[in-house]
């Protein structure tokens, strides 16, 4: 799956009340938390009706991805974040 699809799946799960994941698949939870995207999502959700196919929702997801999320991806070879250098167990 692409980063965009992983982020969409993450926020769709959050909208349905599933809060078990700390970050989207393949994204560093440490960096994700520092960027506070969950807080941005709640602000967005409060101000708009969240519809998965809505253009506003897609623009929000694109904003997240364009804001250097690609720089906080976990390197799958050794499970270390390229940005904060925190290592994760598989």
C-alpha atoms as a PDB file:
ATOM      1  CA  UNK A   1       0.000   0.000   0.000  1.00  0.00           C
ATOM      2  CA  UNK A   2       1.046   3.588  -0.541  1.00  0.00           C
ATOM      3  CA  UNK A   3       1.714   6.064   2.242  1.00  0.00           C
ATOM      4  CA  UNK A   4      -1.438   7.967   1.256  1.00  0.00           C
ATOM      5  CA  UNK A   5      -3.573   4.820   1.535  1.00  0.00           C
ATOM      6  CA  UNK A   6      -1.985   3.895   4.883  1.00  0.00           C
ATOM      7  CA  UNK A   7      -2.778   7.378   6.249  1.00  0.00           C
ATOM      8  CA  UNK A   8      -6.356   7.231   4.926  1.00  0.00           C
ATOM      9  CA  UNK A   9      -6.849   3.820   6.541  1.00  0.00           C
ATOM     10  CA  UNK A  10      -5.418   5.141   9.819  1.00  0.00           C
ATOM     11  CA  UNK A  11      -7.726   8.189   9.934  1.00  0.00           C
ATOM     12  CA  UNK A  12     -10.764   6.166   8.802  1.00  0.00           C
ATOM     13  CA  UNK A  13     -10.125   3.753  11.669  1.00  0.00           C
ATOM     14  CA  UNK A  14      -9.811   6.716  14.073  1.00  0.00           C
ATOM     15  CA  UNK A  15     -13.134   8.095  12.800  1.00  0.00           C
ATOM     16  CA  UNK A  16     -14.747   4.745  13.594  1.00  0.00           C
ATOM     17  CA  UNK A  17     -13.356   4.800  17.138  1.00  0.00           C
ATOM     18  CA  UNK A  18     -10.400   2.420  16.681  1.00  0.00           C
ATOM     19  CA  UNK A  19      -7.602   4.028  18.672  1.00  0.00           C
ATOM     20  CA  UNK A  20      -5.309   1.006  18.997  1.00  0.00           C
ATOM     21  CA  UNK A  21      -2.755   2.159  16.393  1.00  0.00           C
ATOM     22  CA  UNK A  22      -0.199   4.805  17.369  1.00  0.00           C
ATOM     23  CA  UNK A  23       0.587   5.808  13.768  1.00  0.00           C
ATOM     24  CA  UNK A  24      -0.172   4.740  10.195  1.00  0.00           C
ATOM     25  CA  UNK A  25       1.559   1.580   8.944  1.00  0.00           C
ATOM     26  CA  UNK A  26       5.189   2.286   8.027  1.00  0.00           C
ATOM     27  CA  UNK A  27       5.269   5.714   9.716  1.00  0.00           C
ATOM     28  CA  UNK A  28       7.427   6.395  12.759  1.00  0.00           C
ATOM     29  CA  UNK A  29       5.115   6.736  15.810  1.00  0.00           C
ATOM     30  CA  UNK A  30       7.672   8.996  17.501  1.00  0.00           C
ATOM     31  CA  UNK A  31       7.749  11.520  14.646  1.00  0.00           C
ATOM     32  CA  UNK A  32       4.011  11.158  13.957  1.00  0.00           C
ATOM     33  CA  UNK A  33       3.243  12.149  17.557  1.00  0.00           C
ATOM     34  CA  UNK A  34       5.624  15.108  17.454  1.00  0.00           C
ATOM     35  CA  UNK A  35       3.910  16.419  14.303  1.00  0.00           C
ATOM     36  CA  UNK A  36       0.547  16.191  16.134  1.00  0.00           C
ATOM     37  CA  UNK A  37      -1.397  14.979  13.084  1.00  0.00           C
ATOM     38  CA  UNK A  38      -4.003  13.312  15.302  1.00  0.00           C
ATOM     39  CA  UNK A  39      -4.808  16.717  16.798  1.00  0.00           C
ATOM     40  CA  UNK A  40      -5.054  18.228  13.324  1.00  0.00           C
ATOM     41  CA  UNK A  41      -7.407  15.396  12.356  1.00  0.00           C
ATOM     42  CA  UNK A  42      -9.705  16.115  15.312  1.00  0.00           C
ATOM     43  CA  UNK A  43      -9.791  19.834  14.420  1.00  0.00           C
ATOM     44  CA  UNK A  44     -10.615  18.899  10.847  1.00  0.00           C
ATOM     45  CA  UNK A  45     -13.267  16.402  11.907  1.00  0.00           C
ATOM     46  CA  UNK A  46     -14.882  18.901  14.263  1.00  0.00           C
ATOM     47  CA  UNK A  47     -15.133  21.534  11.527  1.00  0.00           C
ATOM     48  CA  UNK A  48     -16.216  19.261   8.677  1.00  0.00           C
ATOM     49  CA  UNK A  49     -18.347  16.253   8.096  1.00  0.00           C
ATOM     50  CA  UNK A  50     -15.850  13.474   7.539  1.00  0.00           C
ATOM     51  CA  UNK A  51     -16.649  11.565   4.375  1.00  0.00           C
ATOM     52  CA  UNK A  52     -13.997   9.215   3.000  1.00  0.00           C
ATOM     53  CA  UNK A  53     -14.491  10.266  -0.614  1.00  0.00           C
ATOM     54  CA  UNK A  54     -15.024  13.958   0.080  1.00  0.00           C
ATOM     55  CA  UNK A  55     -12.625  16.319  -1.721  1.00  0.00           C
ATOM     56  CA  UNK A  56     -12.004  18.222   1.523  1.00  0.00           C
ATOM     57  CA  UNK A  57     -10.949  14.993   3.245  1.00  0.00           C
ATOM     58  CA  UNK A  58      -8.623  14.113   0.357  1.00  0.00           C
ATOM     59  CA  UNK A  59      -7.094  17.599   0.526  1.00  0.00           C
ATOM     60  CA  UNK A  60      -6.468  17.087   4.253  1.00  0.00           C
ATOM     61  CA  UNK A  61      -4.742  13.746   3.597  1.00  0.00           C
ATOM     62  CA  UNK A  62      -2.615  15.303   0.845  1.00  0.00           C
ATOM     63  CA  UNK A  63      -1.652  18.120   3.236  1.00  0.00           C
ATOM     64  CA  UNK A  64      -0.460  15.531   5.748  1.00  0.00           C
ATOM     65  CA  UNK A  65       1.579  13.650   3.148  1.00  0.00           C
ATOM     66  CA  UNK A  66       3.060  16.804   1.607  1.00  0.00           C
ATOM     67  CA  UNK A  67       4.157  18.037   5.038  1.00  0.00           C
ATOM     68  CA  UNK A  68       7.257  15.850   5.059  1.00  0.00           C
ATOM     69  CA  UNK A  69       5.546  12.658   6.228  1.00  0.00           C
ATOM     70  CA  UNK A  70       7.711  10.823   3.699  1.00  0.00           C
ATOM     71  CA  UNK A  71      10.672  11.891   5.831  1.00  0.00           C
ATOM     72  CA  UNK A  72       9.398   9.996   8.863  1.00  0.00           C
ATOM     73  CA  UNK A  73       9.100   6.583   7.261  1.00  0.00           C
ATOM     74  CA  UNK A  74      10.611   3.594   9.021  1.00  0.00           C
ATOM     75  CA  UNK A  75      13.415   1.950   7.062  1.00  0.00           C
ATOM     76  CA  UNK A  76      12.200  -1.631   6.638  1.00  0.00           C
ATOM     77  CA  UNK A  77      15.691  -3.124   6.476  1.00  0.00           C
ATOM     78  CA  UNK A  78      16.523  -2.322  10.080  1.00  0.00           C
ATOM     79  CA  UNK A  79      13.297  -0.713  11.398  1.00  0.00           C
ATOM     80  CA  UNK A  80      14.952   2.585  12.218  1.00  0.00           C
ATOM     81  CA  UNK A  81      13.329   5.943  11.522  1.00  0.00           C
ATOM     82  CA  UNK A  82      15.331   7.937   8.989  1.00  0.00           C
ATOM     83  CA  UNK A  83      14.444  11.211  10.753  1.00  0.00           C
ATOM     84  CA  UNK A  84      14.686  10.656  14.519  1.00  0.00           C
ATOM     85  CA  UNK A  85      16.894   7.524  14.377  1.00  0.00           C
ATOM     86  CA  UNK A  86      14.682   5.640  16.886  1.00  0.00           C
ATOM     87  CA  UNK A  87      14.781   1.866  16.345  1.00  0.00           C
ATOM     88  CA  UNK A  88      11.673  -0.314  16.433  1.00  0.00           C
ATOM     89  CA  UNK A  89      11.273  -4.058  16.877  1.00  0.00           C
ATOM     90  CA  UNK A  90       9.510  -5.965  14.116  1.00  0.00           C
END
